[in-house]
């Protein structure tokens, strides 16, 4: 039995450049991992089965699950038939814009690499992960990175200055396909990704705060007023900077002073069912996290 952690990610920037011939959107993003984890336990299973057990009843236990897909793909790629059981302790909210499913798949790849003693590098695991989902390669590495293409091309960046991150997910579901379907490139206000990279390179917390940007945020806010209300509330309660992550609906706030964290969390708890106060994670994943 082994254990693997699957950290959530947030988007410091998210830009959409257009639609690709393959149906995906061309994106440029800067993402970083935060200290909110799902936990994956890996054991053997008889009969070559892939078994998924989850603490969250909304998580599928069949081929729809990205953990299942990761195990199946890795097994086929390596010419294996071994069975495996995954026990998934969900802490990351589902369908939240925090890449919980992709991070679980990445953790499955890293964990199985150890469990089956495959000796694959993170680069090799990320290449396999790109066949599962656009965010999986980033989640294999963790840390902070610029992602381009459909999200699978990764360039590593310095970690953001250390601060608190307050995550708040309203009690709604958001369809990523619907958000991208309503996105209008001609109306997009593109984030300054170069300025964000410079702020990260300089360790400039104020620069990071000033250059947060997500072109999908106005689309989601127009469709789901709760997201706009949550962002407004987080700003009023004293966060230094606030942005929606991914296609939403989770909103995050950056806070440099610990004394303000409890006030913001308490204020949000009044109208938001899921609020987490976490820290930035500094570096990339190693081949083992436990």
Protein backbone atom coordinates (compact mmCIF):
# COMPACT_ATOMS: atom_id res chain seq x y z
CA UNK A 1 0.00 0.00 0.00
CA UNK A 2 1.24 3.49 -0.84
CA UNK A 3 -0.21 6.98 -0.49
CA UNK A 4 -0.07 9.94 -2.86
CA UNK A 5 -1.27 13.53 -2.47
CA UNK A 6 -3.13 15.38 -5.21
CA UNK A 7 -2.96 19.16 -4.68
CA UNK A 8 -5.45 21.65 -6.11
CA UNK A 9 -4.36 24.33 -8.55
CA UNK A 10 -5.40 27.91 -9.12
CA UNK A 11 -5.02 30.03 -12.25
CA UNK A 12 -3.05 33.22 -11.68
CA UNK A 13 -3.77 34.02 -15.32
CA UNK A 14 -5.94 32.37 -17.95
CA UNK A 15 -6.08 33.57 -21.55
CA UNK A 16 -7.89 32.05 -24.54
CA UNK A 17 -6.38 32.76 -27.95
CA UNK A 18 -8.94 31.01 -30.17
CA UNK A 19 -10.33 27.64 -31.18
CA UNK A 20 -8.07 24.98 -32.62
CA UNK A 21 -8.82 22.69 -35.58
CA UNK A 22 -9.01 19.74 -33.16
CA UNK A 23 -11.91 21.38 -31.29
CA UNK A 24 -9.88 22.40 -28.23
CA UNK A 25 -9.16 26.04 -27.40
CA UNK A 26 -5.66 27.49 -27.63
CA UNK A 27 -4.84 28.77 -24.15
CA UNK A 28 -2.04 30.43 -22.23
CA UNK A 29 -2.16 30.10 -18.45
CA UNK A 30 -0.02 30.52 -15.38
CA UNK A 31 -1.02 28.02 -12.71
CA UNK A 32 0.24 27.20 -9.25
CA UNK A 33 -0.59 24.52 -6.70
CA UNK A 34 -2.03 25.21 -3.26
CA UNK A 35 -2.10 23.30 0.02
CA UNK A 36 -5.50 21.66 -0.44
CA UNK A 37 -5.16 17.97 -1.24
CA UNK A 38 -7.08 14.92 -2.24
CA UNK A 39 -5.40 11.80 -0.86
CA UNK A 40 -5.03 8.63 -2.90
CA UNK A 41 -4.25 5.21 -1.43
CA UNK A 42 -3.08 2.51 -3.85
CA UNK A 43 -3.26 -1.25 -3.26
CA UNK A 44 -3.34 -4.32 -5.45
CA UNK A 45 -6.57 -5.90 -6.75
CA UNK A 46 -7.31 -9.42 -7.91
CA UNK A 47 -8.37 -10.39 -11.38
CA UNK A 48 -6.76 -7.45 -13.15
CA UNK A 49 -9.54 -5.11 -12.02
CA UNK A 50 -9.29 -1.35 -11.56
CA UNK A 51 -11.34 -0.47 -8.48
CA UNK A 52 -12.23 3.08 -7.39
CA UNK A 53 -13.49 3.77 -3.86
CA UNK A 54 -14.28 7.38 -3.03
CA UNK A 55 -15.40 9.35 0.00
CA UNK A 56 -17.50 11.56 -2.32
CA UNK A 57 -20.69 10.03 -3.71
CA UNK A 58 -20.52 12.33 -6.74
CA UNK A 59 -17.24 10.80 -7.93
CA UNK A 60 -17.77 8.05 -10.53
CA UNK A 61 -16.15 4.67 -9.91
CA UNK A 62 -15.92 3.55 -13.54
CA UNK A 63 -14.21 4.60 -16.79
CA UNK A 64 -15.57 8.14 -16.44
CA UNK A 65 -13.13 8.66 -13.57
CA UNK A 66 -9.78 10.13 -14.65
CA UNK A 67 -7.98 7.97 -12.07
CA UNK A 68 -9.40 4.88 -13.78
CA UNK A 69 -8.33 6.24 -17.17
CA UNK A 70 -4.82 6.97 -15.90
CA UNK A 71 -4.38 3.45 -14.51
CA UNK A 72 -5.79 1.84 -17.64
CA UNK A 73 -3.61 3.90 -19.98
CA UNK A 74 -0.42 3.41 -17.96
CA UNK A 75 -1.05 -0.32 -17.70
CA UNK A 76 -1.56 -0.64 -21.45
CA UNK A 77 1.45 1.54 -22.23
CA UNK A 78 3.67 -0.66 -20.07
CA UNK A 79 2.17 -3.96 -21.27
CA UNK A 80 0.80 -4.92 -17.87
CA UNK A 81 -2.39 -6.56 -16.59
CA UNK A 82 -2.04 -6.00 -12.84
CA UNK A 83 -5.14 -5.04 -10.91
CA UNK A 84 -5.20 -2.00 -8.64
CA UNK A 85 -7.51 -0.50 -6.01
CA UNK A 86 -7.66 3.26 -5.44
CA UNK A 87 -9.19 4.71 -2.28
CA UNK A 88 -9.79 8.41 -2.87
CA UNK A 89 -10.29 10.77 0.06
CA UNK A 90 -11.77 13.88 -1.58
CA UNK A 91 -10.92 17.27 -0.07
CA UNK A 92 -10.91 19.35 -3.28
CA UNK A 93 -14.45 20.41 -4.25
CA UNK A 94 -15.79 18.61 -7.34
CA UNK A 95 -16.30 20.58 -10.59
CA UNK A 96 -14.79 23.67 -9.00
CA UNK A 97 -12.16 24.96 -11.44
CA UNK A 98 -9.39 23.61 -9.19
CA UNK A 99 -8.34 20.62 -11.36
CA UNK A 100 -9.28 18.08 -8.68
CA UNK A 101 -9.96 15.29 -11.17
CA UNK A 102 -6.83 16.04 -13.18
CA UNK A 103 -4.71 16.16 -10.03
CA UNK A 104 -6.16 12.82 -8.93
CA UNK A 105 -5.19 11.33 -12.30
CA UNK A 106 -1.68 12.78 -11.99
CA UNK A 107 -1.37 11.35 -8.48
CA UNK A 108 -2.47 7.97 -9.82
CA UNK A 109 0.30 8.10 -12.44
CA UNK A 110 2.96 9.09 -9.90
CA UNK A 111 1.72 6.56 -7.37
CA UNK A 112 1.52 3.67 -9.82
CA UNK A 113 5.00 4.53 -11.05
CA UNK A 114 6.17 3.78 -7.51
CA UNK A 115 3.76 0.92 -6.78
CA UNK A 116 4.68 -0.97 -9.94
CA UNK A 117 8.36 0.13 -9.78
CA UNK A 118 8.27 1.41 -13.37
CA UNK A 119 11.09 3.95 -13.03
CA UNK A 120 9.45 6.51 -15.31
CA UNK A 121 10.43 10.19 -15.07
CA UNK A 122 7.95 12.99 -14.39
CA UNK A 123 8.42 14.06 -18.01
CA UNK A 124 7.36 10.62 -19.21
CA UNK A 125 4.39 10.57 -16.84
CA UNK A 126 3.34 14.04 -18.02
CA UNK A 127 3.42 12.89 -21.65
CA UNK A 128 1.14 9.97 -20.78
CA UNK A 129 -1.08 12.32 -18.77
CA UNK A 130 -1.57 14.61 -21.77
CA UNK A 131 -3.69 11.85 -23.33
CA UNK A 132 -6.07 11.93 -20.35
CA UNK A 133 -6.73 15.66 -19.93
CA UNK A 134 -5.27 19.08 -20.63
CA UNK A 135 -4.49 19.88 -16.97
CA UNK A 136 -2.97 16.49 -16.13
CA UNK A 137 0.60 17.27 -17.31
CA UNK A 138 0.77 20.36 -15.11
CA UNK A 139 -0.63 18.38 -12.18
CA UNK A 140 2.01 15.68 -12.65
CA UNK A 141 4.69 18.31 -12.00
CA UNK A 142 2.88 20.67 -9.62
CA UNK A 143 4.57 23.88 -8.53
CA UNK A 144 4.13 26.92 -10.78
CA UNK A 145 4.17 26.88 -14.57
CA UNK A 146 3.18 28.57 -17.80
CA UNK A 147 0.95 26.24 -19.82
CA UNK A 148 0.14 26.68 -23.50
CA UNK A 149 -1.36 24.75 -26.42
CA UNK A 150 -4.47 23.15 -24.99
CA UNK A 151 -2.69 23.24 -21.62
CA UNK A 152 -0.28 20.36 -22.14
CA UNK A 153 2.88 22.38 -22.98
CA UNK A 154 4.56 23.21 -19.68
CA UNK A 155 7.30 25.72 -18.84
CA UNK A 156 8.24 25.89 -15.16
CA UNK A 157 8.29 29.24 -13.35
CA UNK A 158 9.41 30.51 -9.93
CA UNK A 159 6.93 29.99 -7.12
CA UNK A 160 4.77 32.96 -6.08
CA UNK A 161 5.66 34.88 -2.92
CA UNK A 162 4.31 33.03 0.10
CA UNK A 163 0.84 34.13 1.14
CA UNK A 164 -2.53 32.83 2.24
CA UNK A 165 -5.03 31.69 -0.38
CA UNK A 166 -8.72 31.69 0.51
CA UNK A 167 -10.78 29.41 -1.71
CA UNK A 168 -14.55 29.76 -1.83
CA UNK A 169 -16.88 27.63 -3.95
CA UNK A 170 -20.56 28.60 -4.22
CA UNK A 171 -23.16 25.85 -4.17
CA UNK A 172 -23.60 25.73 -7.95
CA UNK A 173 -22.31 23.63 -10.83
CA UNK A 174 -20.58 25.14 -13.84
CA UNK A 175 -20.15 23.43 -17.21
CA UNK A 176 -16.73 24.18 -18.71
CA UNK A 177 -18.11 23.40 -22.17
CA UNK A 178 -20.91 25.94 -21.68
CA UNK A 179 -18.49 28.63 -20.51
CA UNK A 180 -16.17 28.14 -23.49
CA UNK A 181 -19.22 27.97 -25.78
CA UNK A 182 -20.32 31.45 -24.69
CA UNK A 183 -16.82 32.95 -24.69
CA UNK A 184 -16.50 35.79 -27.23
CA UNK A 185 -12.87 36.32 -28.25
CA UNK A 186 -13.64 39.78 -29.68
CA UNK A 187 -14.73 41.03 -26.24
CA UNK A 188 -11.94 39.43 -24.19
CA UNK A 189 -9.69 41.55 -21.98
CA UNK A 190 -6.46 39.56 -22.11
CA UNK A 191 -4.30 39.35 -18.98
CA UNK A 192 -0.70 40.57 -19.10
CA UNK A 193 1.03 37.24 -18.76
CA UNK A 194 4.46 38.77 -19.30
CA UNK A 195 3.91 41.09 -16.33
CA UNK A 196 2.82 38.15 -14.18
CA UNK A 197 5.95 36.22 -15.15
CA UNK A 198 8.09 39.23 -14.25
CA UNK A 199 6.36 39.55 -10.87
CA UNK A 200 6.99 35.88 -10.14
CA UNK A 201 10.63 36.22 -11.17
CA UNK A 202 11.06 39.23 -8.87
CA UNK A 203 9.13 37.73 -5.96
CA UNK A 204 6.86 40.80 -6.20
CA UNK A 205 3.65 40.07 -4.26
CA UNK A 206 2.05 43.35 -5.27
CA UNK A 207 2.85 42.64 -8.92
CA UNK A 208 1.24 39.20 -8.66
CA UNK A 209 -1.89 40.78 -7.17
CA UNK A 210 -2.08 43.51 -9.83
CA UNK A 211 -1.72 41.10 -12.73
CA UNK A 212 -4.24 38.39 -11.87
CA UNK A 213 -6.53 37.87 -14.86
CA UNK A 214 -8.96 35.33 -16.32
CA UNK A 215 -10.78 35.91 -19.62
CA UNK A 216 -13.45 33.37 -18.66
CA UNK A 217 -14.41 35.18 -15.47
CA UNK A 218 -16.87 37.67 -17.06
CA UNK A 219 -18.57 34.82 -18.95
CA UNK A 220 -19.11 32.73 -15.81
CA UNK A 221 -20.21 35.77 -13.81
CA UNK A 222 -22.80 36.69 -16.42
CA UNK A 223 -24.21 33.15 -16.31
CA UNK A 224 -23.91 32.69 -12.54
CA UNK A 225 -24.48 35.83 -10.48
CA UNK A 226 -23.34 33.97 -7.35
CA UNK A 227 -19.74 34.06 -8.60
CA UNK A 228 -19.79 37.84 -9.01
CA UNK A 229 -21.35 38.26 -5.55
CA UNK A 230 -18.70 36.01 -4.02
CA UNK A 231 -15.86 37.96 -5.63
CA UNK A 232 -17.35 41.25 -4.47
CA UNK A 233 -17.73 39.92 -0.93
CA UNK A 234 -14.17 38.64 -0.76
CA UNK A 235 -12.87 42.04 -1.89
CA UNK A 236 -15.02 43.85 0.69
CA UNK A 237 -13.85 41.56 3.49
CA UNK A 238 -10.23 42.55 2.77
CA UNK A 239 -8.48 40.20 0.34
CA UNK A 240 -5.52 41.80 -1.45
CA UNK A 241 -6.60 40.46 -4.84
CA UNK A 242 -9.43 38.19 -6.00
CA UNK A 243 -9.96 36.05 -9.12
CA UNK A 244 -12.05 33.12 -10.34
CA UNK A 245 -10.03 29.97 -11.01
CA UNK A 246 -10.40 28.12 -14.31
CA UNK A 247 -13.94 28.19 -15.67
CA UNK A 248 -15.22 28.50 -12.09
CA UNK A 249 -17.13 28.62 -9.97
CA UNK A 250 -14.42 28.75 -7.26
CA UNK A 251 -13.13 32.22 -6.42
CA UNK A 252 -9.82 32.70 -4.62
CA UNK A 253 -8.37 35.61 -2.71
CA UNK A 254 -4.71 36.32 -1.94
CA UNK A 255 -3.99 37.60 1.56
CA UNK A 256 -0.55 38.58 2.88
CA UNK A 257 -1.52 39.24 6.52
CA UNK A 258 -2.61 36.26 8.58
CA UNK A 259 -4.66 38.52 10.87
CA UNK A 260 -7.11 39.18 8.02
CA UNK A 261 -7.63 35.53 7.09
CA UNK A 262 -10.10 34.64 9.85
CA UNK A 263 -12.18 37.76 9.21
CA UNK A 264 -12.50 36.93 5.52
CA UNK A 265 -13.27 33.27 6.13
CA UNK A 266 -15.89 34.11 8.76
CA UNK A 267 -17.51 36.64 6.45
CA UNK A 268 -17.69 34.16 3.58
CA UNK A 269 -19.03 31.32 5.73
CA UNK A 270 -22.29 33.20 6.00
CA UNK A 271 -23.24 32.63 2.37
CA UNK A 272 -20.78 30.12 0.90
CA UNK A 273 -20.82 26.41 1.87
CA UNK A 274 -17.18 25.61 1.03
CA UNK A 275 -14.43 27.93 2.23
CA UNK A 276 -10.79 26.92 2.70
CA UNK A 277 -7.81 28.96 3.93
CA UNK A 278 -4.61 27.39 2.57
CA UNK A 279 -1.05 28.34 1.64
CA UNK A 280 0.80 28.37 -1.64
CA UNK A 281 2.92 25.29 -2.38
CA UNK A 282 6.45 26.27 -3.29
CA UNK A 283 8.04 23.65 -5.48
CA UNK A 284 7.37 20.95 -8.01
CA UNK A 285 6.27 17.45 -7.06
CA UNK A 286 8.89 14.87 -6.37
CA UNK A 287 8.25 11.26 -7.35
CA UNK A 288 6.77 10.77 -3.90
CA UNK A 289 4.92 13.17 -1.61
CA UNK A 290 4.10 11.13 1.48
